[in-house]
C-alpha atoms as a PDB file:
ATOM      1  CA  MET A   1     -22.286 -20.145  28.679  1.00  0.00           C
ATOM      2  CA  ALA A   2     -20.981 -17.968  25.824  1.00  0.00           C
ATOM      3  CA  SER A   3     -17.518 -16.449  26.108  1.00  0.00           C
ATOM      4  CA  PRO A   4     -17.393 -12.691  26.675  1.00  0.00           C
ATOM      5  CA  LYS A   5     -16.785 -10.703  23.542  1.00  0.00           C
ATOM      6  CA  VAL A   6     -13.269  -9.546  22.850  1.00  0.00           C
ATOM      7  CA  LYS A   7     -13.125  -5.751  23.057  1.00  0.00           C
ATOM      8  CA  ILE A   8     -11.298  -4.461  20.010  1.00  0.00           C
ATOM      9  CA  LEU A   9     -10.104  -0.995  19.098  1.00  0.00           C
ATOM     10  CA  LEU A  10      -9.345  -0.667  15.382  1.00  0.00           C
ATOM     11  CA  ALA A  11      -6.457   1.504  14.120  1.00  0.00           C
ATOM     12  CA  GLY A  12      -5.937   2.279  10.426  1.00  0.00           C
ATOM     13  CA  SER A  13      -6.340   4.886   7.760  1.00  0.00           C
ATOM     14  CA  PRO A  14      -6.481   3.767   4.058  1.00  0.00           C
ATOM     15  CA  SER A  15      -9.263   1.964   2.235  1.00  0.00           C
ATOM     16  CA  LEU A  16      -7.143  -1.195   2.212  1.00  0.00           C
ATOM     17  CA  ALA A  17      -8.070  -1.640   5.905  1.00  0.00           C
ATOM     18  CA  VAL A  18     -11.837  -1.478   5.451  1.00  0.00           C
ATOM     19  CA  PRO A  19     -12.661  -5.096   4.388  1.00  0.00           C
ATOM     20  CA  ALA A  20     -10.844  -6.578   7.393  1.00  0.00           C
ATOM     21  CA  PHE A  21     -12.306  -4.021   9.776  1.00  0.00           C
ATOM     22  CA  GLN A  22     -15.771  -4.797   8.408  1.00  0.00           C
ATOM     23  CA  ALA A  23     -15.155  -8.515   8.968  1.00  0.00           C
ATOM     24  CA  ILE A  24     -14.376  -7.836  12.632  1.00  0.00           C
ATOM     25  CA  VAL A  25     -17.482  -5.653  13.063  1.00  0.00           C
ATOM     26  CA  ASN A  26     -19.583  -8.444  11.485  1.00  0.00           C
ATOM     27  CA  ASP A  27     -18.135 -11.109  13.802  1.00  0.00           C
ATOM     28  CA  GLN A  28     -20.194 -11.659  16.939  1.00  0.00           C
ATOM     29  CA  ARG A  29     -17.112 -12.740  18.889  1.00  0.00           C
ATOM     30  CA  PHE A  30     -15.887  -9.131  18.957  1.00  0.00           C
ATOM     31  CA  GLN A  31     -17.081  -5.858  20.467  1.00  0.00           C
ATOM     32  CA  VAL A  32     -15.645  -2.982  18.388  1.00  0.00           C
ATOM     33  CA  LEU A  33     -14.995   0.074  20.590  1.00  0.00           C
ATOM     34  CA  GLY A  34     -14.155   2.486  17.802  1.00  0.00           C
ATOM     35  CA  LEU A  35     -11.528   3.584  15.361  1.00  0.00           C
ATOM     36  CA  LEU A  36      -8.158   5.302  15.817  1.00  0.00           C
ATOM     37  CA  THR A  37      -7.053   6.991  12.572  1.00  0.00           C
ATOM     38  CA  GLN A  38      -5.042   9.860  11.198  1.00  0.00           C
ATOM     39  CA  PRO A  39      -6.324  13.491  11.285  1.00  0.00           C
ATOM     40  CA  ASP A  40      -8.165  14.773   8.210  1.00  0.00           C
ATOM     41  CA  GLN A  41      -5.648  16.017   5.607  1.00  0.00           C
ATOM     42  CA  PRO A  42      -5.802  18.637   2.816  1.00  0.00           C
ATOM     43  CA  ALA A  43      -6.342  16.983  -0.566  1.00  0.00           C
ATOM     44  CA  GLY A  44      -7.122  17.871  -4.130  1.00  0.00           C
ATOM     45  CA  ARG A  45      -6.548  21.158  -5.952  1.00  0.00           C
ATOM     46  CA  GLY A  46      -8.652  23.073  -3.414  1.00  0.00           C
ATOM     47  CA  LEU A  47      -6.759  21.447  -0.497  1.00  0.00           C
ATOM     48  CA  LYS A  48     -10.059  20.649   1.163  1.00  0.00           C
ATOM     49  CA  LEU A  49      -9.777  18.789   4.477  1.00  0.00           C
ATOM     50  CA  THR A  50     -10.507  15.161   3.623  1.00  0.00           C
ATOM     51  CA  PRO A  51     -11.098  12.361   6.122  1.00  0.00           C
ATOM     52  CA  PRO A  52      -9.261   9.033   5.897  1.00  0.00           C
ATOM     53  CA  PRO A  53     -11.338   6.342   4.151  1.00  0.00           C
ATOM     54  CA  THR A  54     -11.557   4.344   7.337  1.00  0.00           C
ATOM     55  CA  LYS A  55     -13.154   7.303   9.150  1.00  0.00           C
ATOM     56  CA  VAL A  56     -15.859   7.572   6.484  1.00  0.00           C
ATOM     57  CA  TRP A  57     -16.491   3.825   6.888  1.00  0.00           C
ATOM     58  CA  ALA A  58     -16.474   3.989  10.724  1.00  0.00           C
ATOM     59  CA  LEU A  59     -19.019   6.837  10.894  1.00  0.00           C
ATOM     60  CA  LYS A  60     -21.327   4.955   8.553  1.00  0.00           C
ATOM     61  CA  ASN A  61     -21.126   2.010  11.011  1.00  0.00           C
ATOM     62  CA  GLY A  62     -21.862   4.247  14.000  1.00  0.00           C
ATOM     63  CA  LEU A  63     -18.406   3.864  15.501  1.00  0.00           C
ATOM     64  CA  THR A  64     -16.571   6.418  17.627  1.00  0.00           C
ATOM     65  CA  VAL A  65     -13.550   7.884  15.887  1.00  0.00           C
ATOM     66  CA  TRP A  66     -10.378   9.270  17.484  1.00  0.00           C
ATOM     67  CA  GLN A  67      -7.877  11.333  15.415  1.00  0.00           C
ATOM     68  CA  PRO A  68      -5.064  12.505  17.732  1.00  0.00           C
ATOM     69  CA  GLU A  69      -2.349  14.623  16.139  1.00  0.00           C
ATOM     70  CA  LYS A  70       0.235  12.922  18.344  1.00  0.00           C
ATOM     71  CA  LEU A  71      -0.213   9.550  19.940  1.00  0.00           C
ATOM     72  CA  LYS A  72       1.913  10.313  22.966  1.00  0.00           C
ATOM     73  CA  THR A  73      -0.779  12.777  24.104  1.00  0.00           C
ATOM     74  CA  TRP A  74      -3.503  10.121  23.707  1.00  0.00           C
ATOM     75  CA  GLN A  75      -2.357   7.677  26.398  1.00  0.00           C
ATOM     76  CA  SER A  76      -4.984   8.533  29.001  1.00  0.00           C
ATOM     77  CA  ALA A  77      -7.738   8.206  26.375  1.00  0.00           C
ATOM     78  CA  LEU A  78      -6.592   4.690  25.511  1.00  0.00           C
ATOM     79  CA  VAL A  79      -6.563   3.733  29.200  1.00  0.00           C
ATOM     80  CA  ASN A  80     -10.192   4.915  29.493  1.00  0.00           C
ATOM     81  CA  ILE A  81     -11.275   3.030  26.340  1.00  0.00           C
ATOM     82  CA  LYS A  82     -10.055  -0.208  27.896  1.00  0.00           C
ATOM     83  CA  PRO A  83      -9.636  -2.430  24.808  1.00  0.00           C
ATOM     84  CA  ASP A  84      -8.485  -6.038  25.204  1.00  0.00           C
ATOM     85  CA  MET A  85      -6.540  -5.555  21.973  1.00  0.00           C
ATOM     86  CA  VAL A  86      -5.817  -2.941  19.327  1.00  0.00           C
ATOM     87  CA  VAL A  87      -5.887  -4.227  15.701  1.00  0.00           C
ATOM     88  CA  VAL A  88      -3.753  -2.191  13.319  1.00  0.00           C
ATOM     89  CA  ILE A  89      -3.823  -2.005   9.509  1.00  0.00           C
ATOM     90  CA  ALA A  90      -1.731   0.780   7.993  1.00  0.00           C
ATOM     91  CA  TYR A  91      -2.383   3.334  10.718  1.00  0.00           C
ATOM     92  CA  GLY A  92       0.503   5.512   9.676  1.00  0.00           C
ATOM     93  CA  GLN A  93       2.374   6.295  12.904  1.00  0.00           C
ATOM     94  CA  LEU A  94       4.791   4.432  15.109  1.00  0.00           C
ATOM     95  CA  ILE A  95       3.153   3.427  18.385  1.00  0.00           C
ATOM     96  CA  PRO A  96       4.952   4.599  21.547  1.00  0.00           C
ATOM     97  CA  GLN A  97       5.988   1.808  23.918  1.00  0.00           C
ATOM     98  CA  ALA A  98       3.855   3.176  26.697  1.00  0.00           C
ATOM     99  CA  LEU A  99       0.695   2.723  24.525  1.00  0.00           C
ATOM    100  CA  LEU A 100       1.810  -0.746  23.337  1.00  0.00           C
ATOM    101  CA  GLU A 101       1.724  -1.943  26.950  1.00  0.00           C
ATOM    102  CA  ILE A 102      -1.832  -0.793  27.782  1.00  0.00           C
ATOM    103  CA  PRO A 103      -4.134  -3.451  26.155  1.00  0.00           C
ATOM    104  CA  PRO A 104      -3.802  -6.867  27.857  1.00  0.00           C
ATOM    105  CA  GLN A 105      -3.512  -8.641  24.520  1.00  0.00           C
ATOM    106  CA  GLY A 106      -1.274  -5.965  22.959  1.00  0.00           C
ATOM    107  CA  TRP A 107      -1.469  -4.397  19.521  1.00  0.00           C
ATOM    108  CA  VAL A 108      -1.804  -6.820  16.588  1.00  0.00           C
ATOM    109  CA  ASN A 109      -0.788  -5.573  13.154  1.00  0.00           C
ATOM    110  CA  VAL A 110      -1.621  -6.772   9.634  1.00  0.00           C
ATOM    111  CA  HIS A 111       1.474  -6.145   7.509  1.00  0.00           C
ATOM    112  CA  GLY A 112       1.468  -6.525   3.747  1.00  0.00           C
ATOM    113  CA  SER A 113       4.500  -8.695   3.245  1.00  0.00           C
ATOM    114  CA  LEU A 114       5.965 -12.046   4.296  1.00  0.00           C
ATOM    115  CA  LEU A 115       8.058 -10.839   7.157  1.00  0.00           C
ATOM    116  CA  PRO A 116      10.942 -10.435   7.795  1.00  0.00           C
ATOM    117  CA  LYS A 117      11.070  -9.507   4.093  1.00  0.00           C
ATOM    118  CA  TYR A 118       9.986  -5.958   3.368  1.00  0.00           C
ATOM    119  CA  ARG A 119       9.624  -4.304   6.717  1.00  0.00           C
ATOM    120  CA  GLY A 120       8.541  -0.686   6.432  1.00  0.00           C
ATOM    121  CA  ALA A 121       5.960   1.325   4.535  1.00  0.00           C
ATOM    122  CA  GLY A 122       6.610   0.527   0.843  1.00  0.00           C
ATOM    123  CA  VAL A 123       5.445  -3.040   0.968  1.00  0.00           C
ATOM    124  CA  LEU A 124       2.929  -2.854  -1.879  1.00  0.00           C
ATOM    125  CA  SER A 125       5.330  -1.475  -4.487  1.00  0.00           C
ATOM    126  CA  ALA A 126       8.526  -3.321  -3.569  1.00  0.00           C
ATOM    127  CA  PRO A 127       7.578  -6.878  -4.678  1.00  0.00           C
ATOM    128  CA  ILE A 128       6.291  -5.552  -8.048  1.00  0.00           C
ATOM    129  CA  ILE A 129       9.466  -3.492  -8.625  1.00  0.00           C
ATOM    130  CA  ASN A 130      11.631  -6.487  -7.746  1.00  0.00           C
ATOM    131  CA  GLY A 131       9.728  -8.923  -9.942  1.00  0.00           C
ATOM    132  CA  ASP A 132       8.732 -11.210  -7.090  1.00  0.00           C
ATOM    133  CA  GLN A 133       6.348 -14.063  -7.876  1.00  0.00           C
ATOM    134  CA  GLN A 134       4.757 -13.973  -4.416  1.00  0.00           C
ATOM    135  CA  THR A 135       4.122 -11.684  -1.510  1.00  0.00           C
ATOM    136  CA  GLY A 136       1.615 -12.041   1.309  1.00  0.00           C
ATOM    137  CA  ILE A 137       0.424 -10.804   4.641  1.00  0.00           C
ATOM    138  CA  SER A 138       1.807 -11.279   8.146  1.00  0.00           C
ATOM    139  CA  ILE A 139      -0.336 -10.881  11.249  1.00  0.00           C
ATOM    140  CA  MET A 140       2.055  -9.954  14.018  1.00  0.00           C
ATOM    141  CA  LYS A 141       2.387  -8.415  17.472  1.00  0.00           C
ATOM    142  CA  LEU A 142       3.632  -4.870  17.442  1.00  0.00           C
ATOM    143  CA  VAL A 143       6.849  -4.071  19.313  1.00  0.00           C
ATOM    144  CA  LYS A 144       8.852  -0.876  19.562  1.00  0.00           C
ATOM    145  CA  GLU A 145      11.113  -1.824  16.674  1.00  0.00           C
ATOM    146  CA  LEU A 146       9.611  -1.309  13.194  1.00  0.00           C
ATOM    147  CA  ASP A 147       7.766  -4.443  11.963  1.00  0.00           C
ATOM    148  CA  ALA A 148      10.064  -6.649  14.098  1.00  0.00           C
ATOM    149  CA  GLY A 149       7.458  -8.272  16.318  1.00  0.00           C
ATOM    150  CA  PRO A 150       6.688 -12.029  16.494  1.00  0.00           C
ATOM    151  CA  VAL A 151       4.466 -13.340  13.717  1.00  0.00           C
ATOM    152  CA  ILE A 152       1.151 -15.019  14.564  1.00  0.00           C
ATOM    153  CA  ALA A 153       0.097 -16.073  11.057  1.00  0.00           C
ATOM    154  CA  GLN A 154       1.149 -15.645   7.410  1.00  0.00           C
ATOM    155  CA  VAL A 155      -0.600 -16.201   4.079  1.00  0.00           C
ATOM    156  CA  LYS A 156       1.082 -16.135   0.691  1.00  0.00           C
ATOM    157  CA  ILE A 157      -0.379 -14.149  -2.230  1.00  0.00           C
ATOM    158  CA  ASN A 158       0.600 -14.790  -5.871  1.00  0.00           C
ATOM    159  CA  LEU A 159       1.424 -11.784  -7.970  1.00  0.00           C
ATOM    160  CA  ALA A 160      -0.116 -11.538 -11.414  1.00  0.00           C
ATOM    161  CA  SER A 161       2.053 -10.532 -14.419  1.00  0.00           C
ATOM    162  CA  ASP A 162       0.019  -7.316 -14.688  1.00  0.00           C
ATOM    163  CA  GLU A 163      -0.191  -6.673 -10.921  1.00  0.00           C
ATOM    164  CA  THR A 164      -0.346  -3.040  -9.866  1.00  0.00           C
ATOM    165  CA  MET A 165      -0.006  -1.487  -6.437  1.00  0.00           C
ATOM    166  CA  GLY A 166      -3.769  -0.888  -6.522  1.00  0.00           C
ATOM    167  CA  SER A 167      -4.714  -4.450  -7.420  1.00  0.00           C
ATOM    168  CA  LEU A 168      -2.340  -5.843  -4.803  1.00  0.00           C
ATOM    169  CA  ALA A 169      -3.855  -3.627  -2.172  1.00  0.00           C
ATOM    170  CA  SER A 170      -7.256  -5.090  -3.008  1.00  0.00           C
ATOM    171  CA  LYS A 171      -5.911  -8.633  -2.736  1.00  0.00           C
ATOM    172  CA  ILE A 172      -4.249  -7.943   0.630  1.00  0.00           C
ATOM    173  CA  GLY A 173      -7.399  -6.277   1.954  1.00  0.00           C
ATOM    174  CA  GLN A 174      -9.542  -9.270   1.001  1.00  0.00           C
ATOM    175  CA  VAL A 175      -7.111 -11.910   2.321  1.00  0.00           C
ATOM    176  CA  ALA A 176      -6.881  -9.992   5.610  1.00  0.00           C
ATOM    177  CA  ALA A 177     -10.673  -9.932   5.840  1.00  0.00           C
ATOM    178  CA  ASP A 178     -10.793 -13.703   5.269  1.00  0.00           C
ATOM    179  CA  ILE A 179      -8.288 -14.713   7.933  1.00  0.00           C
ATOM    180  CA  LEU A 180      -8.086 -11.952  10.547  1.00  0.00           C
ATOM    181  CA  PRO A 181     -11.102 -12.787  12.795  1.00  0.00           C
ATOM    182  CA  ASP A 182     -10.142 -16.423  13.284  1.00  0.00           C
ATOM    183  CA  THR A 183      -6.472 -15.541  13.677  1.00  0.00           C
ATOM    184  CA  LEU A 184      -7.235 -13.077  16.467  1.00  0.00           C
ATOM    185  CA  ILE A 185      -9.329 -15.678  18.328  1.00  0.00           C
ATOM    186  CA  GLY A 186      -6.663 -18.310  17.831  1.00  0.00           C
ATOM    187  CA  TYR A 187      -4.074 -15.938  19.271  1.00  0.00           C
ATOM    188  CA  ILE A 188      -6.227 -14.995  22.266  1.00  0.00           C
ATOM    189  CA  GLU A 189      -7.002 -18.647  23.000  1.00  0.00           C
ATOM    190  CA  ARG A 190      -3.251 -19.418  22.672  1.00  0.00           C
ATOM    191  CA  ARG A 191      -3.795 -21.901  19.847  1.00  0.00           C
ATOM    192  CA  LEU A 192      -1.643 -19.674  17.656  1.00  0.00           C
ATOM    193  CA  ILE A 193       1.735 -18.899  19.258  1.00  0.00           C
ATOM    194  CA  PRO A 194       3.665 -15.900  17.867  1.00  0.00           C
ATOM    195  CA  GLN A 195       6.976 -16.920  16.295  1.00  0.00           C
ATOM    196  CA  LYS A 196      10.097 -14.726  16.522  1.00  0.00           C
ATOM    197  CA  GLN A 197      11.319 -13.303  13.226  1.00  0.00           C
ATOM    198  CA  ASN A 198      14.807 -14.078  11.896  1.00  0.00           C
ATOM    199  CA  ASP A 199      16.247 -10.546  12.000  1.00  0.00           C
ATOM    200  CA  SER A 200      19.227 -11.571   9.901  1.00  0.00           C
ATOM    201  CA  GLN A 201      16.864 -12.027   6.908  1.00  0.00           C
ATOM    202  CA  ALA A 202      15.100  -8.660   7.346  1.00  0.00           C
ATOM    203  CA  SER A 203      14.891  -6.129   4.548  1.00  0.00           C
ATOM    204  CA  TYR A 204      13.405  -2.629   4.654  1.00  0.00           C
ATOM    205  CA  VAL A 205      11.399  -0.488   2.194  1.00  0.00           C
ATOM    206  CA  GLY A 206      10.576   3.116   2.851  1.00  0.00           C
ATOM    207  CA  LEU A 207       7.448   5.082   2.085  1.00  0.00           C
ATOM    208  CA  VAL A 208       7.046   5.707  -1.654  1.00  0.00           C
ATOM    209  CA  ALA A 209       7.594   9.370  -2.622  1.00  0.00           C
ATOM    210  CA  THR A 210       6.899  11.094  -5.925  1.00  0.00           C
ATOM    211  CA  ALA A 211      10.614  11.251  -6.590  1.00  0.00           C
ATOM    212  CA  ASP A 212      10.800   7.437  -6.419  1.00  0.00           C
ATOM    213  CA  ALA A 213       8.346   7.246  -9.311  1.00  0.00           C
ATOM    214  CA  LYS A 214      10.583   9.135 -11.792  1.00  0.00           C
ATOM    215  CA  ILE A 215      11.551   6.982 -14.714  1.00  0.00           C
ATOM    216  CA  ASP A 216      15.214   6.383 -15.546  1.00  0.00           C
ATOM    217  CA  TRP A 217      15.163   5.570 -19.285  1.00  0.00           C
ATOM    218  CA  HIS A 218      18.644   4.018 -19.051  1.00  0.00           C
ATOM    219  CA  LYS A 219      17.183   1.109 -17.106  1.00  0.00           C
ATOM    220  CA  SER A 220      15.740  -1.827 -19.006  1.00  0.00           C
ATOM    221  CA  ALA A 221      12.219  -1.739 -20.369  1.00  0.00           C
ATOM    222  CA  LEU A 222      11.373  -4.627 -18.045  1.00  0.00           C
ATOM    223  CA  GLU A 223      12.473  -2.662 -15.004  1.00  0.00           C
ATOM    224  CA  ILE A 224      10.579   0.445 -16.131  1.00  0.00           C
ATOM    225  CA  GLU A 225       7.393  -1.519 -16.827  1.00  0.00           C
ATOM    226  CA  ARG A 226       7.526  -2.936 -13.311  1.00  0.00           C
ATOM    227  CA  LEU A 227       7.973   0.602 -11.901  1.00  0.00           C
ATOM    228  CA  VAL A 228       4.938   1.777 -13.902  1.00  0.00           C
ATOM    229  CA  ARG A 229       2.757  -0.951 -12.371  1.00  0.00           C
ATOM    230  CA  ALA A 230       4.232  -0.469  -8.876  1.00  0.00           C
ATOM    231  CA  MET A 231       3.372   3.244  -8.924  1.00  0.00           C
ATOM    232  CA  GLN A 232      -0.182   2.819 -10.191  1.00  0.00           C
ATOM    233  CA  PRO A 233      -2.547   4.402  -9.253  1.00  0.00           C
ATOM    234  CA  VAL A 234      -0.460   6.763  -7.081  1.00  0.00           C
ATOM    235  CA  PRO A 235       1.874   8.554  -7.307  1.00  0.00           C
ATOM    236  CA  GLY A 236       2.176   7.373 -10.934  1.00  0.00           C
ATOM    237  CA  ALA A 237       5.423   6.724 -12.774  1.00  0.00           C
ATOM    238  CA  TRP A 238       6.504   9.889 -14.543  1.00  0.00           C
ATOM    239  CA  THR A 239       8.972  11.507 -16.867  1.00  0.00           C
ATOM    240  CA  THR A 240       9.258  15.020 -18.395  1.00  0.00           C
ATOM    241  CA  TRP A 241       8.668  16.306 -21.915  1.00  0.00           C
ATOM    242  CA  ARG A 242       9.330  19.987 -22.651  1.00  0.00           C
ATOM    243  CA  ASP A 243       9.404  20.683 -18.950  1.00  0.00           C
ATOM    244  CA  GLN A 244       5.966  19.153 -18.438  1.00  0.00           C
ATOM    245  CA  ARG A 245       5.340  16.094 -16.296  1.00  0.00           C
ATOM    246  CA  LEU A 246       4.158  13.133 -18.262  1.00  0.00           C
ATOM    247  CA  LYS A 247       2.738  10.139 -16.393  1.00  0.00           C
ATOM    248  CA  ILE A 248       3.039   6.649 -17.878  1.00  0.00           C
ATOM    249  CA  ILE A 249      -0.023   4.761 -16.671  1.00  0.00           C
ATOM    250  CA  GLU A 250       0.148   1.500 -18.598  1.00  0.00           C
ATOM    251  CA  ALA A 251       2.877   0.023 -20.772  1.00  0.00           C
ATOM    252  CA  THR A 252       4.218  -3.215 -22.225  1.00  0.00           C
ATOM    253  CA  VAL A 253       7.724  -4.350 -23.034  1.00  0.00           C
ATOM    254  CA  SER A 254       9.187  -4.684 -26.521  1.00  0.00           C
ATOM    255  CA  ASP A 255      12.566  -6.341 -27.112  1.00  0.00           C
ATOM    256  CA  GLN A 256      13.273  -4.012 -30.021  1.00  0.00           C
ATOM    257  CA  SER A 257      16.307  -1.917 -29.077  1.00  0.00           C
ATOM    258  CA  TRP A 258      16.914   0.540 -31.898  1.00  0.00           C
ATOM    259  CA  LEU A 259      15.428   3.519 -29.985  1.00  0.00           C
ATOM    260  CA  ASN A 260      17.968   5.276 -27.734  1.00  0.00           C
ATOM    261  CA  PRO A 261      17.086   5.595 -24.020  1.00  0.00           C
ATOM    262  CA  GLY A 262      14.312   8.158 -23.641  1.00  0.00           C
ATOM    263  CA  LYS A 263      13.746   8.651 -27.386  1.00  0.00           C
ATOM    264  CA  VAL A 264      10.129   8.600 -28.588  1.00  0.00           C
ATOM    265  CA  GLY A 265       9.272   6.699 -31.730  1.00  0.00           C
ATOM    266  CA  LEU A 266       6.913   4.150 -33.288  1.00  0.00           C
ATOM    267  CA  ILE A 267       7.172   0.391 -33.021  1.00  0.00           C
ATOM    268  CA  ASP A 268       4.667  -1.482 -35.180  1.00  0.00           C
ATOM    269  CA  GLY A 269       2.639   1.715 -35.374  1.00  0.00           C
ATOM    270  CA  GLN A 270       2.463   2.185 -31.593  1.00  0.00           C
ATOM    271  CA  LEU A 271       3.886   4.928 -29.392  1.00  0.00           C
ATOM    272  CA  ALA A 272       7.146   3.701 -27.956  1.00  0.00           C
ATOM    273  CA  ILE A 273      10.068   4.984 -25.840  1.00  0.00           C
ATOM    274  CA  GLY A 274      13.597   3.613 -25.923  1.00  0.00           C
ATOM    275  CA  SER A 275      15.333   2.306 -22.836  1.00  0.00           C
ATOM    276  CA  GLY A 276      18.653   0.851 -21.784  1.00  0.00           C
ATOM    277  CA  GLN A 277      17.486  -2.566 -22.975  1.00  0.00           C
ATOM    278  CA  GLY A 278      14.431  -2.929 -25.228  1.00  0.00           C
ATOM    279  CA  ALA A 279      11.665  -0.365 -25.481  1.00  0.00           C
ATOM    280  CA  LEU A 280       8.403   0.474 -23.754  1.00  0.00           C
ATOM    281  CA  ILE A 281       5.157   0.436 -25.723  1.00  0.00           C
ATOM    282  CA  ILE A 282       2.940   3.105 -24.170  1.00  0.00           C
ATOM    283  CA  ASN A 283      -0.656   2.005 -23.818  1.00  0.00           C
ATOM    284  CA  ARG A 284      -1.921   4.831 -21.624  1.00  0.00           C
ATOM    285  CA  LEU A 285      -0.407   8.123 -20.432  1.00  0.00           C
ATOM    286  CA  GLN A 286      -1.313  11.531 -19.027  1.00  0.00           C
ATOM    287  CA  LEU A 287       0.203  14.917 -19.628  1.00  0.00           C
ATOM    288  CA  ALA A 288       0.061  17.288 -16.673  1.00  0.00           C
ATOM    289  CA  GLY A 289      -3.278  19.061 -16.489  1.00  0.00           C
ATOM    290  CA  ARG A 290      -4.856  16.795 -19.129  1.00  0.00           C
ATOM    291  CA  GLN A 291      -6.974  13.678 -19.150  1.00  0.00           C
ATOM    292  CA  ALA A 292      -5.388  10.254 -19.413  1.00  0.00           C
ATOM    293  CA  VAL A 293      -5.454   8.930 -22.988  1.00  0.00           C
ATOM    294  CA  SER A 294      -4.262   5.990 -25.046  1.00  0.00           C
ATOM    295  CA  GLY A 295      -0.912   6.142 -26.734  1.00  0.00           C
ATOM    296  CA  ASN A 296      -2.573   6.453 -30.161  1.00  0.00           C
ATOM    297  CA  ASP A 297      -4.857   9.282 -29.007  1.00  0.00           C
ATOM    298  CA  PHE A 298      -1.854  11.060 -27.506  1.00  0.00           C
ATOM    299  CA  LEU A 299      -0.115  10.947 -30.885  1.00  0.00           C
ATOM    300  CA  ILE A 300      -3.113  12.512 -32.601  1.00  0.00           C
ATOM    301  CA  GLY A 301      -2.880  15.582 -30.369  1.00  0.00           C
ATOM    302  CA  GLN A 302       0.915  15.620 -29.834  1.00  0.00           C
ATOM    303  CA  ALA A 303       2.443  14.244 -32.995  1.00  0.00           C
ATOM    304  CA  ASP A 304       5.557  16.422 -32.539  1.00  0.00           C
ATOM    305  CA  VAL A 305       6.624  14.212 -29.653  1.00  0.00           C
ATOM    306  CA  LEU A 306       8.017  11.687 -32.156  1.00  0.00           C
ATOM    307  CA  GLY A 307      11.791  11.868 -32.355  1.00  0.00           C
ATOM    308  CA  GLU A 308      12.134  13.839 -29.139  1.00  0.00           C
ATOM    309  CA  TYR A 309      13.732  12.696 -25.882  1.00  0.00           C
ATOM    310  CA  LEU A 310      12.067  12.379 -22.517  1.00  0.00           C
ATOM    311  CA  ALA A 311      14.035  13.142 -19.378  1.00  0.00           C
END
């Protein structure tokens, strides 16, 4: 006789969560009860209400979607849904203890780091900024404390030399899709026993804000190039030129150090900006209100930038 299907409620918001959620929907061992996600948010220049990517996906799959403004008001709804387990990938809110206790198998979270390193929201940008060679995902039980729950499974992910936050999100999403269904079954069948984290080794990274993406030209070119990749595609590493915001989208490091920090010049015929150590060769950039262009094309339209300082 076949085992009864595990009743799963999904909880998540960004597109990163979609591959793993789809893997669960496709797996005959699970019955997906619906999706819990964030309310639609204003986006774009017209501030049009825009649904989370997971909501768009869920509706295409015929799933019920819940978007409570505050989770503490949603407790009775969760009781009525009666999931065996809630599976979370970047939902975007802390879960109140009262809700954590409702599903018999708890809330299981896919976190984009090798816990206890990088607890918190900025887990995609932090390893790139810090020059790590590896990161990974941790499948863990949610507890009241942020990302402090016991870990059920971990998988390492190698970081490429040109890794961006966007490419890392894609890697994490795919790895999660590959391992999540079997991990959940292993946990339910008690073949995978959650292991307590070593709290003394924990580190924390906050949500990335636009201010975090501002370039400090007194840092080394290597540090700035990492920041550029860590902030791509959003919010985008930026600086200012003549009181206009200028995003640096793609850059490479030069060890030539004759340009002062923030000064714009040419190195081997290419647009370059000085830093505290070395210089940054600008491959692609975007002036506020304009299209993104190559460094050479930018010089054709803005040749007077040469010799000026960026702030």
